[in-house]
Amino acid sequence: MFGRFVIMALALLASGVLAAECQSGTATYPSRPIEMVIHSAAGGGSDLMGRMIADTMAKEKIVSQPISVVNKPGGSSAVATAYVYEKKGNPYYLYTVTTVHVAASLKGDSKIKVQDLTPLVSLAADSESVVVSAKSPYKTLKDLIDASKKGKSKMAQAGSSLTGSDNRTGFAIRKATGADWEFVSYKSGGEAITAVLGGHNDLCISNPIEVVEQLRAGTVRILSITGAKRLEIWPDVPTLTELGIPEPPTGFRAYAMPPGVPPETVKYWENAFQKFMATQAWKQYVKENALTEVWMDSKTFTNYINTAAPKFESIMKEMGLLK
């Protein structure tokens, strides 16, 4: 009986401390380490970017407490989203969010929408790159498309999620050109690249961050990218637009927190991420990984999600992912 009383007292004390800290804004917050939750396995774009952010915030002393990265893959982000949602009111969790989360809630993989959390900030928009192994016979996207129409066996595109921007981009290419390949889902973009390098799949469509090291090593070939114009780091790689292929809605790199965190906490992280985006490390990262910097504070990002969701719903219905 006494033991149970002690446990209850400690629990009440802990919740009281957390509540007092939340109410006091930045005066004492944060007083313990932050957990950054990643919805995909290690090696994917969200994982690599999250670890870079955590390291930079520590090195630049933007946040006084360490940020630990925790991967919770599964269910097209549903596992990680449920985990963060259960932390209602707890200001010690950051969560990476992308278009995968919007699509997952539309498809029913996750019952929780990004708007059900606390949308925090958007940092960047993604490019997508069409990638084959350096050993592949396809030198251009046209070569790949033509071969997919003539091949005796169906080609396969390795990807990270049925509801991800990689699958949407592949669908856009097939729709515009008559190309024919199937989509094979892996736990992360890193695993998808590995499948292509191992000859298990013919191509993947990945964030540049996921292939830049392999490109430098000469193990992959990039056939095309998404975006309005060619990238400075890959001036010889044509865009889908140049090739006459309409693109799906652009992906984003953003962050959320559990539902019910206080406004003071939201403001703290808005300021912290603005300081982070002013660092040379971030500027270099954006350039090297073919990102487009897109800043949105919590209110703007929430409005963007509400506007973007119907657009994603439309293309997903066209893809057969929604009824």
C-alpha atoms as a PDB file:
ATOM      1  CA  MET A   1       0.000   0.000   0.000  1.00  0.00           C
ATOM      2  CA  PHE A   2       2.793   2.400   0.971  1.00  0.00           C
ATOM      3  CA  GLY A   3       4.682   1.518  -2.228  1.00  0.00           C
ATOM      4  CA  ARG A   4       1.638   2.323  -4.338  1.00  0.00           C
ATOM      5  CA  PHE A   5       1.265   5.672  -2.530  1.00  0.00           C
ATOM      6  CA  VAL A   6       4.895   6.542  -3.247  1.00  0.00           C
ATOM      7  CA  ILE A   7       4.495   5.714  -6.970  1.00  0.00           C
ATOM      8  CA  MET A   8       1.354   7.856  -7.188  1.00  0.00           C
ATOM      9  CA  ALA A   9       3.044  10.718  -5.382  1.00  0.00           C
ATOM     10  CA  LEU A  10       6.034  10.621  -7.714  1.00  0.00           C
ATOM     11  CA  ALA A  11       3.762  10.558 -10.747  1.00  0.00           C
ATOM     12  CA  LEU A  12       1.830  13.576  -9.494  1.00  0.00           C
ATOM     13  CA  LEU A  13       5.065  15.384  -8.721  1.00  0.00           C
ATOM     14  CA  ALA A  14       6.413  14.679 -12.210  1.00  0.00           C
ATOM     15  CA  SER A  15       3.225  15.890 -13.893  1.00  0.00           C
ATOM     16  CA  GLY A  16       3.215  18.975 -11.669  1.00  0.00           C
ATOM     17  CA  VAL A  17       6.787  19.816 -12.591  1.00  0.00           C
ATOM     18  CA  LEU A  18       5.995  19.363 -16.283  1.00  0.00           C
ATOM     19  CA  ALA A  19       2.889  21.559 -16.026  1.00  0.00           C
ATOM     20  CA  ALA A  20       4.760  24.276 -14.144  1.00  0.00           C
ATOM     21  CA  GLU A  21       7.550  24.189 -16.695  1.00  0.00           C
ATOM     22  CA  CYS A  22       5.113  24.454 -19.597  1.00  0.00           C
ATOM     23  CA  GLN A  23       3.363  27.425 -17.985  1.00  0.00           C
ATOM     24  CA  SER A  24       6.609  29.226 -17.317  1.00  0.00           C
ATOM     25  CA  GLY A  25       7.509  29.296 -21.030  1.00  0.00           C
ATOM     26  CA  THR A  26      11.194  29.578 -21.817  1.00  0.00           C
ATOM     27  CA  ALA A  27      12.217  30.506 -18.245  1.00  0.00           C
ATOM     28  CA  THR A  28      13.052  26.902 -17.392  1.00  0.00           C
ATOM     29  CA  TYR A  29      12.329  25.110 -20.654  1.00  0.00           C
ATOM     30  CA  PRO A  30      13.942  22.877 -21.701  1.00  0.00           C
ATOM     31  CA  SER A  31      15.317  21.373 -18.517  1.00  0.00           C
ATOM     32  CA  ARG A  32      15.911  17.850 -19.854  1.00  0.00           C
ATOM     33  CA  PRO A  33      16.801  16.162 -23.176  1.00  0.00           C
ATOM     34  CA  ILE A  34      14.495  16.365 -26.187  1.00  0.00           C
ATOM     35  CA  GLU A  35      13.479  13.300 -28.195  1.00  0.00           C
ATOM     36  CA  MET A  36      13.244  13.728 -31.963  1.00  0.00           C
ATOM     37  CA  VAL A  37      11.027  11.002 -33.429  1.00  0.00           C
ATOM     38  CA  ILE A  38      11.617   9.861 -37.020  1.00  0.00           C
ATOM     39  CA  HIS A  39       8.874   7.943 -38.827  1.00  0.00           C
ATOM     40  CA  SER A  40      11.278   6.003 -41.082  1.00  0.00           C
ATOM     41  CA  ALA A  41      14.242   3.697 -40.555  1.00  0.00           C
ATOM     42  CA  ALA A  42      17.820   4.953 -40.315  1.00  0.00           C
ATOM     43  CA  GLY A  43      19.316   6.082 -43.615  1.00  0.00           C
ATOM     44  CA  GLY A  44      16.251   7.781 -45.089  1.00  0.00           C
ATOM     45  CA  GLY A  45      15.952  11.477 -45.882  1.00  0.00           C
ATOM     46  CA  SER A  46      14.042  12.369 -42.708  1.00  0.00           C
ATOM     47  CA  ASP A  47      16.524  10.428 -40.569  1.00  0.00           C
ATOM     48  CA  LEU A  48      19.603  12.029 -42.117  1.00  0.00           C
ATOM     49  CA  MET A  49      18.164  15.518 -41.899  1.00  0.00           C
ATOM     50  CA  GLY A  50      16.941  15.018 -38.346  1.00  0.00           C
ATOM     51  CA  ARG A  51      20.348  13.887 -37.148  1.00  0.00           C
ATOM     52  CA  MET A  52      21.991  16.839 -38.865  1.00  0.00           C
ATOM     53  CA  ILE A  53      19.569  19.242 -37.148  1.00  0.00           C
ATOM     54  CA  ALA A  54      20.165  17.647 -33.741  1.00  0.00           C
ATOM     55  CA  ASP A  55      23.947  17.822 -34.173  1.00  0.00           C
ATOM     56  CA  THR A  56      23.928  21.412 -35.429  1.00  0.00           C
ATOM     57  CA  MET A  57      21.649  22.679 -32.672  1.00  0.00           C
ATOM     58  CA  ALA A  58      24.034  21.142 -30.148  1.00  0.00           C
ATOM     59  CA  LYS A  59      27.215  22.472 -31.781  1.00  0.00           C
ATOM     60  CA  GLU A  60      25.771  25.962 -32.241  1.00  0.00           C
ATOM     61  CA  LYS A  61      24.289  25.910 -28.722  1.00  0.00           C
ATOM     62  CA  ILE A  62      20.881  26.861 -30.073  1.00  0.00           C
ATOM     63  CA  VAL A  63      19.183  24.512 -27.594  1.00  0.00           C
ATOM     64  CA  SER A  64      20.550  24.028 -24.103  1.00  0.00           C
ATOM     65  CA  GLN A  65      19.602  20.352 -23.904  1.00  0.00           C
ATOM     66  CA  PRO A  66      20.694  17.456 -26.161  1.00  0.00           C
ATOM     67  CA  ILE A  67      18.328  16.151 -28.837  1.00  0.00           C
ATOM     68  CA  SER A  68      18.293  12.370 -29.244  1.00  0.00           C
ATOM     69  CA  VAL A  69      16.999  10.814 -32.466  1.00  0.00           C
ATOM     70  CA  VAL A  70      14.641   7.824 -32.189  1.00  0.00           C
ATOM     71  CA  ASN A  71      13.461   5.876 -35.253  1.00  0.00           C
ATOM     72  CA  LYS A  72       9.959   4.368 -35.181  1.00  0.00           C
ATOM     73  CA  PRO A  73       9.232   3.051 -38.681  1.00  0.00           C
ATOM     74  CA  GLY A  74       6.081   1.223 -39.675  1.00  0.00           C
ATOM     75  CA  GLY A  75       2.627   1.714 -41.119  1.00  0.00           C
ATOM     76  CA  SER A  76       3.579   4.535 -43.506  1.00  0.00           C
ATOM     77  CA  SER A  77       4.306   6.761 -40.460  1.00  0.00           C
ATOM     78  CA  ALA A  78       1.326   5.474 -38.398  1.00  0.00           C
ATOM     79  CA  VAL A  79       3.494   3.893 -35.683  1.00  0.00           C
ATOM     80  CA  ALA A  80       5.503   7.042 -35.036  1.00  0.00           C
ATOM     81  CA  THR A  81       2.485   9.340 -35.283  1.00  0.00           C
ATOM     82  CA  ALA A  82       0.554   7.319 -32.684  1.00  0.00           C
ATOM     83  CA  TYR A  83       3.605   7.362 -30.409  1.00  0.00           C
ATOM     84  CA  VAL A  84       3.883  11.160 -30.561  1.00  0.00           C
ATOM     85  CA  TYR A  85       0.123  11.695 -30.265  1.00  0.00           C
ATOM     86  CA  GLU A  86       0.099   9.755 -26.991  1.00  0.00           C
ATOM     87  CA  LYS A  87       2.523  12.320 -25.520  1.00  0.00           C
ATOM     88  CA  LYS A  88      -0.238  14.940 -25.378  1.00  0.00           C
ATOM     89  CA  GLY A  89       0.912  18.155 -23.726  1.00  0.00           C
ATOM     90  CA  ASN A  90       4.515  16.944 -23.365  1.00  0.00           C
ATOM     91  CA  PRO A  91       6.927  19.537 -24.805  1.00  0.00           C
ATOM     92  CA  TYR A  92       9.911  17.166 -24.932  1.00  0.00           C
ATOM     93  CA  TYR A  93       9.112  15.521 -28.273  1.00  0.00           C
ATOM     94  CA  LEU A  94       9.830  16.795 -31.773  1.00  0.00           C
ATOM     95  CA  TYR A  95       8.459  14.899 -34.756  1.00  0.00           C
ATOM     96  CA  THR A  96       9.533  14.962 -38.392  1.00  0.00           C
ATOM     97  CA  VAL A  97       6.583  15.300 -40.765  1.00  0.00           C
ATOM     98  CA  THR A  98       6.439  15.092 -44.552  1.00  0.00           C
ATOM     99  CA  THR A  99       3.805  14.561 -47.222  1.00  0.00           C
ATOM    100  CA  VAL A 100       3.860  10.879 -46.189  1.00  0.00           C
ATOM    101  CA  HIS A 101       1.904  11.861 -43.082  1.00  0.00           C
ATOM    102  CA  VAL A 102      -0.764  13.713 -45.043  1.00  0.00           C
ATOM    103  CA  ALA A 103      -1.178  10.771 -47.404  1.00  0.00           C
ATOM    104  CA  ALA A 104      -1.210   8.208 -44.579  1.00  0.00           C
ATOM    105  CA  SER A 105      -4.144   9.882 -42.850  1.00  0.00           C
ATOM    106  CA  LEU A 106      -6.048  10.175 -46.137  1.00  0.00           C
ATOM    107  CA  LYS A 107      -5.478   6.511 -46.909  1.00  0.00           C
ATOM    108  CA  GLY A 108      -6.466   5.401 -43.429  1.00  0.00           C
ATOM    109  CA  ASP A 109      -3.060   3.992 -42.492  1.00  0.00           C
ATOM    110  CA  SER A 110      -3.063   6.513 -39.668  1.00  0.00           C
ATOM    111  CA  LYS A 111      -6.171   7.738 -37.864  1.00  0.00           C
ATOM    112  CA  ILE A 112      -4.234  10.818 -36.762  1.00  0.00           C
ATOM    113  CA  LYS A 113      -3.782  13.833 -39.025  1.00  0.00           C
ATOM    114  CA  VAL A 114      -0.838  16.218 -38.861  1.00  0.00           C
ATOM    115  CA  GLN A 115      -3.383  18.834 -37.749  1.00  0.00           C
ATOM    116  CA  ASP A 116      -4.250  16.616 -34.751  1.00  0.00           C
ATOM    117  CA  LEU A 117      -0.713  17.137 -33.512  1.00  0.00           C
ATOM    118  CA  THR A 118       0.855  20.574 -33.091  1.00  0.00           C
ATOM    119  CA  PRO A 119       2.193  21.599 -36.526  1.00  0.00           C
ATOM    120  CA  LEU A 120       5.377  23.468 -35.674  1.00  0.00           C
ATOM    121  CA  VAL A 121       7.492  24.683 -38.606  1.00  0.00           C
ATOM    122  CA  SER A 122       8.322  23.902 -42.229  1.00  0.00           C
ATOM    123  CA  LEU A 123      11.972  24.192 -43.251  1.00  0.00           C
ATOM    124  CA  ALA A 124      12.276  23.060 -46.866  1.00  0.00           C
ATOM    125  CA  ALA A 125      10.694  21.623 -49.994  1.00  0.00           C
ATOM    126  CA  ASP A 126      12.003  18.456 -51.605  1.00  0.00           C
ATOM    127  CA  SER A 127      13.294  17.651 -55.011  1.00  0.00           C
ATOM    128  CA  GLU A 128      13.009  14.069 -56.225  1.00  0.00           C
ATOM    129  CA  SER A 129      15.625  12.322 -58.366  1.00  0.00           C
ATOM    130  CA  VAL A 130      15.102   9.397 -60.741  1.00  0.00           C
ATOM    131  CA  VAL A 131      18.008   7.065 -60.031  1.00  0.00           C
ATOM    132  CA  VAL A 132      19.439   3.875 -61.543  1.00  0.00           C
ATOM    133  CA  SER A 133      22.560   1.905 -60.757  1.00  0.00           C
ATOM    134  CA  ALA A 134      25.725   3.089 -62.500  1.00  0.00           C
ATOM    135  CA  LYS A 135      25.825  -0.424 -64.004  1.00  0.00           C
ATOM    136  CA  SER A 136      22.392   0.082 -65.564  1.00  0.00           C
ATOM    137  CA  PRO A 137      22.208   0.240 -69.384  1.00  0.00           C
ATOM    138  CA  TYR A 138      19.880   3.266 -69.175  1.00  0.00           C
ATOM    139  CA  LYS A 139      21.689   6.546 -69.771  1.00  0.00           C
ATOM    140  CA  THR A 140      18.630   8.797 -69.981  1.00  0.00           C
ATOM    141  CA  LEU A 141      15.079   8.804 -68.644  1.00  0.00           C
ATOM    142  CA  LYS A 142      13.855   8.169 -72.188  1.00  0.00           C
ATOM    143  CA  ASP A 143      16.000   5.014 -72.335  1.00  0.00           C
ATOM    144  CA  LEU A 144      14.384   3.802 -69.115  1.00  0.00           C
ATOM    145  CA  ILE A 145      10.853   4.641 -70.224  1.00  0.00           C
ATOM    146  CA  ASP A 146      11.282   2.997 -73.631  1.00  0.00           C
ATOM    147  CA  ALA A 147      12.743  -0.157 -72.080  1.00  0.00           C
ATOM    148  CA  SER A 148       9.848  -0.381 -69.607  1.00  0.00           C
ATOM    149  CA  LYS A 149       7.408  -0.525 -72.507  1.00  0.00           C
ATOM    150  CA  LYS A 150       9.300  -3.211 -74.411  1.00  0.00           C
ATOM    151  CA  GLY A 151      10.660  -5.452 -71.667  1.00  0.00           C
ATOM    152  CA  LYS A 152       9.531  -9.070 -71.390  1.00  0.00           C
ATOM    153  CA  SER A 153       9.396  -8.772 -67.598  1.00  0.00           C
ATOM    154  CA  LYS A 154       7.917  -5.812 -65.738  1.00  0.00           C
ATOM    155  CA  MET A 155      10.328  -3.270 -64.265  1.00  0.00           C
ATOM    156  CA  ALA A 156      10.243  -2.399 -60.571  1.00  0.00           C
ATOM    157  CA  GLN A 157      10.718   0.924 -58.798  1.00  0.00           C
ATOM    158  CA  ALA A 158      12.100   0.669 -55.271  1.00  0.00           C
ATOM    159  CA  GLY A 159      10.577   3.174 -52.858  1.00  0.00           C
ATOM    160  CA  SER A 160       9.927   3.938 -49.231  1.00  0.00           C
ATOM    161  CA  SER A 161       6.147   4.242 -49.104  1.00  0.00           C
ATOM    162  CA  LEU A 162       3.062   3.699 -51.238  1.00  0.00           C
ATOM    163  CA  THR A 163       1.835   7.068 -50.022  1.00  0.00           C
ATOM    164  CA  GLY A 164       5.170   8.852 -50.454  1.00  0.00           C
ATOM    165  CA  SER A 165       6.305  11.457 -52.960  1.00  0.00           C
ATOM    166  CA  ASP A 166       8.507   8.826 -54.657  1.00  0.00           C
ATOM    167  CA  ASN A 167       5.453   6.788 -55.633  1.00  0.00           C
ATOM    168  CA  ARG A 168       3.514   9.896 -56.694  1.00  0.00           C
ATOM    169  CA  THR A 169       6.402  11.018 -58.902  1.00  0.00           C
ATOM    170  CA  GLY A 170       6.700   7.573 -60.473  1.00  0.00           C
ATOM    171  CA  PHE A 171       2.966   7.608 -61.154  1.00  0.00           C
ATOM    172  CA  ALA A 172       3.249  11.035 -62.815  1.00  0.00           C
ATOM    173  CA  ILE A 173       5.989   9.723 -65.128  1.00  0.00           C
ATOM    174  CA  ARG A 174       4.017   6.603 -66.060  1.00  0.00           C
ATOM    175  CA  LYS A 175       0.835   8.593 -66.671  1.00  0.00           C
ATOM    176  CA  ALA A 176       2.554  11.150 -68.918  1.00  0.00           C
ATOM    177  CA  THR A 177       4.700   8.732 -70.932  1.00  0.00           C
ATOM    178  CA  GLY A 178       3.059   5.320 -70.884  1.00  0.00           C
ATOM    179  CA  ALA A 179       6.004   3.853 -68.974  1.00  0.00           C
ATOM    180  CA  ASP A 180       5.288   0.572 -67.203  1.00  0.00           C
ATOM    181  CA  TRP A 181       6.758  -0.504 -63.887  1.00  0.00           C
ATOM    182  CA  GLU A 182       5.528  -1.617 -60.468  1.00  0.00           C
ATOM    183  CA  PHE A 183       6.281  -0.029 -57.097  1.00  0.00           C
ATOM    184  CA  VAL A 184       8.057  -2.043 -54.386  1.00  0.00           C
ATOM    185  CA  SER A 185       7.962  -0.547 -50.879  1.00  0.00           C
ATOM    186  CA  TYR A 186      10.888  -0.642 -48.410  1.00  0.00           C
ATOM    187  CA  LYS A 187      11.241   0.703 -44.873  1.00  0.00           C
ATOM    188  CA  SER A 188      13.345   3.697 -45.935  1.00  0.00           C
ATOM    189  CA  GLY A 189      14.862   5.486 -48.895  1.00  0.00           C
ATOM    190  CA  GLY A 190      18.219   4.057 -47.871  1.00  0.00           C
ATOM    191  CA  GLU A 191      16.930   0.500 -48.242  1.00  0.00           C
ATOM    192  CA  ALA A 192      15.409   1.394 -51.616  1.00  0.00           C
ATOM    193  CA  ILE A 193      18.777   2.634 -52.890  1.00  0.00           C
ATOM    194  CA  THR A 194      20.427  -0.541 -51.635  1.00  0.00           C
ATOM    195  CA  ALA A 195      17.876  -2.620 -53.568  1.00  0.00           C
ATOM    196  CA  VAL A 196      18.732  -0.781 -56.786  1.00  0.00           C
ATOM    197  CA  LEU A 197      22.476  -1.078 -56.200  1.00  0.00           C
ATOM    198  CA  GLY A 198      22.021  -4.803 -55.585  1.00  0.00           C
ATOM    199  CA  GLY A 199      20.165  -5.255 -58.852  1.00  0.00           C
ATOM    200  CA  HIS A 200      16.914  -6.252 -57.152  1.00  0.00           C
ATOM    201  CA  ASN A 201      14.988  -3.332 -58.666  1.00  0.00           C
ATOM    202  CA  ASP A 202      15.506  -1.260 -61.796  1.00  0.00           C
ATOM    203  CA  LEU A 203      15.132   2.266 -60.445  1.00  0.00           C
ATOM    204  CA  CYS A 204      14.210   4.349 -57.464  1.00  0.00           C
ATOM    205  CA  ILE A 205      12.932   7.883 -57.089  1.00  0.00           C
ATOM    206  CA  SER A 206      14.588   9.420 -54.066  1.00  0.00           C
ATOM    207  CA  ASN A 207      15.341  12.642 -52.283  1.00  0.00           C
ATOM    208  CA  PRO A 208      18.811  13.791 -53.385  1.00  0.00           C
ATOM    209  CA  ILE A 209      19.960  13.583 -49.766  1.00  0.00           C
ATOM    210  CA  GLU A 210      19.519   9.810 -49.975  1.00  0.00           C
ATOM    211  CA  VAL A 211      21.689   9.371 -53.081  1.00  0.00           C
ATOM    212  CA  VAL A 212      24.270  12.142 -52.952  1.00  0.00           C
ATOM    213  CA  GLU A 213      26.951   9.971 -51.356  1.00  0.00           C
ATOM    214  CA  GLN A 214      26.398   7.156 -53.861  1.00  0.00           C
ATOM    215  CA  LEU A 215      26.579   9.680 -56.684  1.00  0.00           C
ATOM    216  CA  ARG A 216      29.908  10.953 -55.413  1.00  0.00           C
ATOM    217  CA  ALA A 217      31.122   7.367 -55.190  1.00  0.00           C
ATOM    218  CA  GLY A 218      30.029   6.723 -58.774  1.00  0.00           C
ATOM    219  CA  THR A 219      27.656   3.879 -57.907  1.00  0.00           C
ATOM    220  CA  VAL A 220      24.428   5.517 -59.149  1.00  0.00           C
ATOM    221  CA  ARG A 221      23.288   7.581 -62.130  1.00  0.00           C
ATOM    222  CA  ILE A 222      20.660  10.317 -61.897  1.00  0.00           C
ATOM    223  CA  LEU A 223      18.433  10.540 -64.974  1.00  0.00           C
ATOM    224  CA  SER A 224      16.132  13.413 -64.013  1.00  0.00           C
ATOM    225  CA  ILE A 225      14.962  15.593 -61.127  1.00  0.00           C
ATOM    226  CA  THR A 226      11.776  17.381 -60.126  1.00  0.00           C
ATOM    227  CA  GLY A 227      11.604  21.130 -59.692  1.00  0.00           C
ATOM    228  CA  ALA A 228      11.223  24.307 -61.701  1.00  0.00           C
ATOM    229  CA  LYS A 229      14.861  24.426 -62.786  1.00  0.00           C
ATOM    230  CA  ARG A 230      18.059  22.373 -62.843  1.00  0.00           C
ATOM    231  CA  LEU A 231      20.017  22.127 -59.633  1.00  0.00           C
ATOM    232  CA  GLU A 232      23.268  24.001 -59.238  1.00  0.00           C
ATOM    233  CA  ILE A 233      25.064  20.887 -58.023  1.00  0.00           C
ATOM    234  CA  TRP A 234      23.826  18.774 -60.983  1.00  0.00           C
ATOM    235  CA  PRO A 235      23.651  21.184 -63.920  1.00  0.00           C
ATOM    236  CA  ASP A 236      23.620  18.377 -66.509  1.00  0.00           C
ATOM    237  CA  VAL A 237      20.590  16.591 -65.057  1.00  0.00           C
ATOM    238  CA  PRO A 238      17.311  17.631 -66.782  1.00  0.00           C
ATOM    239  CA  THR A 239      14.072  18.310 -64.932  1.00  0.00           C
ATOM    240  CA  LEU A 240      10.865  16.392 -65.554  1.00  0.00           C
ATOM    241  CA  THR A 241       9.318  19.674 -66.696  1.00  0.00           C
ATOM    242  CA  GLU A 242      11.959  19.995 -69.419  1.00  0.00           C
ATOM    243  CA  LEU A 243      11.010  16.513 -70.565  1.00  0.00           C
ATOM    244  CA  GLY A 244       7.336  17.445 -70.734  1.00  0.00           C
ATOM    245  CA  ILE A 245       6.251  15.491 -67.650  1.00  0.00           C
ATOM    246  CA  PRO A 246       3.880  17.305 -65.229  1.00  0.00           C
ATOM    247  CA  GLU A 247       4.909  16.939 -61.586  1.00  0.00           C
ATOM    248  CA  PRO A 248       2.787  16.008 -58.554  1.00  0.00           C
ATOM    249  CA  PRO A 249       2.541  18.368 -55.524  1.00  0.00           C
ATOM    250  CA  THR A 250       5.929  19.155 -53.956  1.00  0.00           C
ATOM    251  CA  GLY A 251       7.007  17.387 -50.789  1.00  0.00           C
ATOM    252  CA  PHE A 252       7.992  19.247 -47.630  1.00  0.00           C
ATOM    253  CA  ARG A 253      10.350  18.807 -44.685  1.00  0.00           C
ATOM    254  CA  ALA A 254       8.700  19.969 -41.477  1.00  0.00           C
ATOM    255  CA  TYR A 255       8.289  19.388 -37.749  1.00  0.00           C
ATOM    256  CA  ALA A 256       5.429  18.911 -35.324  1.00  0.00           C
ATOM    257  CA  MET A 257       5.005  18.271 -31.602  1.00  0.00           C
ATOM    258  CA  PRO A 258       2.429  16.381 -29.540  1.00  0.00           C
ATOM    259  CA  PRO A 259      -1.039  17.915 -29.321  1.00  0.00           C
ATOM    260  CA  GLY A 260      -1.709  20.401 -26.551  1.00  0.00           C
ATOM    261  CA  VAL A 261       1.774  21.818 -26.019  1.00  0.00           C
ATOM    262  CA  PRO A 262       1.608  25.413 -24.726  1.00  0.00           C
ATOM    263  CA  PRO A 263       2.017  28.424 -27.054  1.00  0.00           C
ATOM    264  CA  GLU A 264       5.225  29.369 -25.278  1.00  0.00           C
ATOM    265  CA  THR A 265       6.786  26.068 -26.313  1.00  0.00           C
ATOM    266  CA  VAL A 266       5.728  26.568 -29.934  1.00  0.00           C
ATOM    267  CA  LYS A 267       7.317  30.032 -29.893  1.00  0.00           C
ATOM    268  CA  TYR A 268      10.506  28.633 -28.368  1.00  0.00           C
ATOM    269  CA  TRP A 269      10.923  26.126 -31.210  1.00  0.00           C
ATOM    270  CA  GLU A 270       9.967  28.633 -33.902  1.00  0.00           C
ATOM    271  CA  ASN A 271      12.818  30.814 -32.647  1.00  0.00           C
ATOM    272  CA  ALA A 272      15.192  27.857 -32.322  1.00  0.00           C
ATOM    273  CA  PHE A 273      14.562  26.670 -35.879  1.00  0.00           C
ATOM    274  CA  GLN A 274      14.963  30.207 -37.241  1.00  0.00           C
ATOM    275  CA  LYS A 275      18.380  30.390 -35.559  1.00  0.00           C
ATOM    276  CA  PHE A 276      19.213  26.970 -36.977  1.00  0.00           C
ATOM    277  CA  MET A 277      18.295  28.060 -40.510  1.00  0.00           C
ATOM    278  CA  ALA A 278      20.705  30.984 -40.202  1.00  0.00           C
ATOM    279  CA  THR A 279      23.675  28.654 -39.623  1.00  0.00           C
ATOM    280  CA  GLN A 280      26.255  27.949 -42.284  1.00  0.00           C
ATOM    281  CA  ALA A 281      25.738  24.234 -41.691  1.00  0.00           C
ATOM    282  CA  TRP A 282      22.095  24.484 -42.820  1.00  0.00           C
ATOM    283  CA  LYS A 283      22.913  26.689 -45.824  1.00  0.00           C
ATOM    284  CA  GLN A 284      25.503  24.155 -46.966  1.00  0.00           C
ATOM    285  CA  TYR A 285      23.158  21.264 -46.311  1.00  0.00           C
ATOM    286  CA  VAL A 286      20.415  22.821 -48.441  1.00  0.00           C
ATOM    287  CA  LYS A 287      22.828  23.340 -51.312  1.00  0.00           C
ATOM    288  CA  GLU A 288      24.450  19.903 -51.191  1.00  0.00           C
ATOM    289  CA  ASN A 289      21.182  18.002 -50.819  1.00  0.00           C
ATOM    290  CA  ALA A 290      19.128  19.858 -53.432  1.00  0.00           C
ATOM    291  CA  LEU A 291      16.552  21.263 -51.033  1.00  0.00           C
ATOM    292  CA  THR A 292      14.620  24.502 -51.448  1.00  0.00           C
ATOM    293  CA  GLU A 293      14.421  26.511 -48.246  1.00  0.00           C
ATOM    294  CA  VAL A 294      10.777  27.172 -47.337  1.00  0.00           C
ATOM    295  CA  TRP A 295      10.139  28.701 -43.912  1.00  0.00           C
ATOM    296  CA  MET A 296       6.677  28.499 -42.361  1.00  0.00           C
ATOM    297  CA  ASP A 297       5.863  29.224 -38.735  1.00  0.00           C
ATOM    298  CA  SER A 298       3.273  27.152 -36.882  1.00  0.00           C
ATOM    299  CA  LYS A 299       0.215  29.133 -38.029  1.00  0.00           C
ATOM    300  CA  THR A 300       1.351  29.301 -41.665  1.00  0.00           C
ATOM    301  CA  PHE A 301       2.286  25.628 -41.754  1.00  0.00           C
ATOM    302  CA  THR A 302      -1.095  24.625 -40.285  1.00  0.00           C
ATOM    303  CA  ASN A 303      -2.886  26.624 -42.983  1.00  0.00           C
ATOM    304  CA  TYR A 304      -0.683  25.043 -45.654  1.00  0.00           C
ATOM    305  CA  ILE A 305      -1.533  21.513 -44.496  1.00  0.00           C
ATOM    306  CA  ASN A 306      -5.256  22.311 -44.554  1.00  0.00           C
ATOM    307  CA  THR A 307      -4.936  23.608 -48.121  1.00  0.00           C
ATOM    308  CA  ALA A 308      -2.613  20.869 -49.417  1.00  0.00           C
ATOM    309  CA  ALA A 309      -4.589  17.873 -48.123  1.00  0.00           C
ATOM    310  CA  PRO A 310      -7.347  18.078 -50.787  1.00  0.00           C
ATOM    311  CA  LYS A 311      -4.696  18.201 -53.552  1.00  0.00           C
ATOM    312  CA  PHE A 312      -3.050  15.049 -52.241  1.00  0.00           C
ATOM    313  CA  GLU A 313      -6.438  13.393 -51.907  1.00  0.00           C
ATOM    314  CA  SER A 314      -7.150  14.091 -55.590  1.00  0.00           C
ATOM    315  CA  ILE A 315      -3.919  12.545 -56.912  1.00  0.00           C
ATOM    316  CA  MET A 316      -4.202   9.569 -54.552  1.00  0.00           C
ATOM    317  CA  LYS A 317      -7.674   8.810 -55.890  1.00  0.00           C
ATOM    318  CA  GLU A 318      -6.239   8.939 -59.385  1.00  0.00           C
ATOM    319  CA  MET A 319      -3.511   6.506 -58.326  1.00  0.00           C
ATOM    320  CA  GLY A 320      -6.095   4.079 -56.976  1.00  0.00           C
ATOM    321  CA  LEU A 321      -4.923   4.488 -53.376  1.00  0.00           C
ATOM    322  CA  LEU A 322      -8.251   5.981 -52.318  1.00  0.00           C
ATOM    323  CA  LYS A 323     -11.816   5.152 -53.284  1.00  0.00           C
END
